[in-house]
């Protein structure tokens, strides 16, 4: 459970909670992104614009409602009906149609499809949209010491 952006999210997987916290503090999220010039994936900070933050939080509210309905025992389709946004429901159903028609049944009701295409690209393939809003932060993950104590920062991958 996390309270952020004046919202209470009770059923989101922890990876989404981490993203919401990062967006709340920095208006940015972090992901491994392919960098052509380096020929490798690099841990990268991706800045969001205010309108993108609003759309992302709306999608997370819808996703939280979906997971809440699933937790109460509803099946996927009935849980999707609980999502207040017609646009998000339509997006998920359209993707499910594509997934079914292309034999990708494991991707039905995939959380990322509550996001619009622009935000999907921004989070999972940002080079298509946002090279001016990306900065590499390679030293973010790995072993650390603080006050003589050792700990490890883990990088969380979203589903």
Protein backbone atom coordinates (compact mmCIF):
# COMPACT_ATOMS: atom_id res chain seq x y z
CA UNK A 1 0.00 0.00 0.00
CA UNK A 2 1.24 3.46 -0.87
CA UNK A 3 -0.26 6.93 -0.51
CA UNK A 4 1.10 9.24 -3.15
CA UNK A 5 -0.17 11.98 -5.48
CA UNK A 6 -3.09 12.42 -3.05
CA UNK A 7 -4.19 8.87 -3.91
CA UNK A 8 -4.19 5.64 -1.97
CA UNK A 9 -2.97 2.60 -3.92
CA UNK A 10 -3.58 -0.68 -2.12
CA UNK A 11 -3.17 -3.42 -4.70
CA UNK A 12 -0.34 -2.39 -7.03
CA UNK A 13 2.70 -4.67 -7.35
CA UNK A 14 5.77 -3.19 -5.65
CA UNK A 15 7.49 -2.28 -8.94
CA UNK A 16 4.70 0.16 -9.73
CA UNK A 17 4.91 1.61 -6.22
CA UNK A 18 8.62 2.27 -6.75
CA UNK A 19 7.86 4.03 -10.05
CA UNK A 20 5.17 6.18 -8.42
CA UNK A 21 7.58 7.20 -5.65
CA UNK A 22 10.25 8.10 -8.17
CA UNK A 23 7.77 10.09 -10.24
CA UNK A 24 6.52 11.88 -7.13
CA UNK A 25 10.00 12.87 -5.96
CA UNK A 26 11.72 13.54 -9.29
CA UNK A 27 9.10 13.54 -12.07
CA UNK A 28 11.24 10.75 -13.50
CA UNK A 29 11.47 7.00 -13.68
CA UNK A 30 14.43 4.67 -14.20
CA UNK A 31 14.91 1.77 -16.59
CA UNK A 32 17.57 -0.04 -18.56
CA UNK A 33 17.62 1.50 -22.05
CA UNK A 34 19.62 0.44 -25.10
CA UNK A 35 22.14 3.11 -26.08
CA UNK A 36 23.30 2.71 -29.68
CA UNK A 37 26.41 4.80 -29.18
CA UNK A 38 27.61 2.48 -26.37
CA UNK A 39 26.22 -0.75 -27.87
CA UNK A 40 24.77 -1.73 -24.49
CA UNK A 41 21.90 -1.24 -22.07
CA UNK A 42 22.51 1.53 -19.55
CA UNK A 43 20.54 2.40 -16.44
CA UNK A 44 18.78 5.60 -17.46
CA UNK A 45 16.69 8.33 -15.82
CA UNK A 46 13.68 9.35 -17.94
CA UNK A 47 11.98 12.66 -17.12
CA UNK A 48 8.18 13.00 -17.45
CA UNK A 49 6.25 16.13 -18.40
CA UNK A 50 3.35 17.18 -16.09
CA UNK A 51 0.67 15.91 -18.52
CA UNK A 52 2.43 12.53 -18.69
CA UNK A 53 2.50 12.31 -14.90
CA UNK A 54 -1.26 12.89 -14.76
CA UNK A 55 -1.92 10.19 -17.39
CA UNK A 56 0.41 7.76 -15.63
CA UNK A 57 -1.24 8.27 -12.24
CA UNK A 58 -4.70 7.86 -13.84
CA UNK A 59 -3.55 4.57 -15.37
CA UNK A 60 -2.17 3.39 -12.01
CA UNK A 61 -5.49 4.24 -10.32
CA UNK A 62 -7.24 2.10 -12.94
CA UNK A 63 -4.73 -0.70 -12.46
CA UNK A 64 -5.17 -0.54 -8.68
CA UNK A 65 -8.96 -0.84 -9.11
CA UNK A 66 -8.45 -3.83 -11.41
CA UNK A 67 -6.17 -5.61 -8.91
CA UNK A 68 -8.54 -4.75 -6.06
CA UNK A 69 -11.45 -6.33 -7.94
CA UNK A 70 -9.33 -9.39 -8.74
CA UNK A 71 -8.41 -9.68 -5.04
CA UNK A 72 -12.12 -9.68 -4.16
CA UNK A 73 -12.60 -12.75 -6.35
CA UNK A 74 -13.77 -11.29 -9.66
CA UNK A 75 -12.46 -12.73 -12.91
CA UNK A 76 -10.35 -10.56 -15.23
CA UNK A 77 -13.23 -9.32 -17.40
CA UNK A 78 -15.47 -8.47 -14.43
CA UNK A 79 -12.49 -6.77 -12.74
CA UNK A 80 -11.85 -4.72 -15.87
CA UNK A 81 -15.48 -3.59 -15.81
CA UNK A 82 -14.73 -1.99 -12.40
CA UNK A 83 -12.17 0.34 -13.96
CA UNK A 84 -13.81 3.76 -14.19
CA UNK A 85 -12.09 4.95 -17.37
CA UNK A 86 -13.80 3.85 -20.59
CA UNK A 87 -10.66 4.80 -22.49
CA UNK A 88 -8.45 2.50 -20.39
CA UNK A 89 -10.97 -0.36 -20.57
CA UNK A 90 -11.11 0.02 -24.36
CA UNK A 91 -7.30 0.08 -24.60
CA UNK A 92 -6.96 -3.12 -22.56
CA UNK A 93 -9.71 -4.87 -24.53
CA UNK A 94 -8.19 -3.83 -27.86
CA UNK A 95 -4.83 -5.18 -26.78
CA UNK A 96 -6.44 -8.40 -25.54
CA UNK A 97 -8.04 -8.82 -28.97
CA UNK A 98 -4.67 -8.42 -30.63
CA UNK A 99 -2.99 -10.80 -28.15
CA UNK A 100 -5.69 -13.44 -28.68
CA UNK A 101 -5.49 -13.13 -32.47
CA UNK A 102 -1.71 -13.43 -32.42
CA UNK A 103 -1.49 -16.31 -29.93
CA UNK A 104 -0.01 -14.21 -27.11
CA UNK A 105 -2.46 -15.35 -24.45
CA UNK A 106 0.11 -14.88 -21.70
CA UNK A 107 -0.16 -11.13 -22.35
CA UNK A 108 -3.91 -10.83 -21.74
CA UNK A 109 -4.70 -8.11 -19.16
CA UNK A 110 -1.04 -7.09 -19.13
CA UNK A 111 -0.64 -4.12 -16.72
CA UNK A 112 1.29 -1.98 -19.18
CA UNK A 113 -1.73 -1.80 -21.49
CA UNK A 114 -3.60 0.40 -19.06
CA UNK A 115 -1.12 3.03 -20.27
CA UNK A 116 -1.55 4.81 -23.59
CA UNK A 117 0.96 4.03 -26.34
CA UNK A 118 2.95 7.21 -25.71
CA UNK A 119 3.58 6.30 -22.06
CA UNK A 120 4.41 2.69 -22.94
CA UNK A 121 7.15 3.98 -25.24
CA UNK A 122 8.34 6.51 -22.68
CA UNK A 123 8.81 3.81 -20.04
CA UNK A 124 9.84 0.76 -22.06
CA UNK A 125 11.33 2.20 -25.26
CA UNK A 126 12.12 5.85 -24.52
CA UNK A 127 14.58 6.37 -27.36
CA UNK A 128 11.60 6.55 -29.72
CA UNK A 129 10.30 9.65 -27.95
CA UNK A 130 12.50 11.17 -25.35
CA UNK A 131 16.23 11.17 -26.00
CA UNK A 132 16.31 14.78 -24.79
CA UNK A 133 14.81 13.67 -21.47
CA UNK A 134 17.15 10.76 -20.78
CA UNK A 135 20.31 10.73 -18.69
CA UNK A 136 22.48 7.73 -17.82
CA UNK A 137 22.91 6.91 -14.13
CA UNK A 138 25.02 3.75 -14.21
CA UNK A 139 26.14 4.00 -10.61
CA UNK A 140 22.62 3.68 -9.16
CA UNK A 141 22.56 -0.11 -8.64
CA UNK A 142 25.00 -2.38 -6.85
CA UNK A 143 26.85 -2.69 -3.54
CA UNK A 144 26.94 0.41 -1.33
CA UNK A 145 28.29 1.43 2.05
CA UNK A 146 26.88 4.05 4.36
CA UNK A 147 28.07 4.75 7.87
CA UNK A 148 30.31 1.67 7.77
CA UNK A 149 27.41 -0.65 6.94
CA UNK A 150 27.09 -2.48 3.62
CA UNK A 151 23.89 -2.83 1.65
CA UNK A 152 22.84 -3.48 -1.92
CA UNK A 153 20.57 -1.35 -4.07
CA UNK A 154 18.42 -3.57 -6.27
CA UNK A 155 17.13 -2.54 -9.64
CA UNK A 156 13.47 -3.42 -10.08
CA UNK A 157 12.17 -4.42 -13.50
CA UNK A 158 8.51 -3.85 -14.20
CA UNK A 159 6.37 -6.55 -15.71
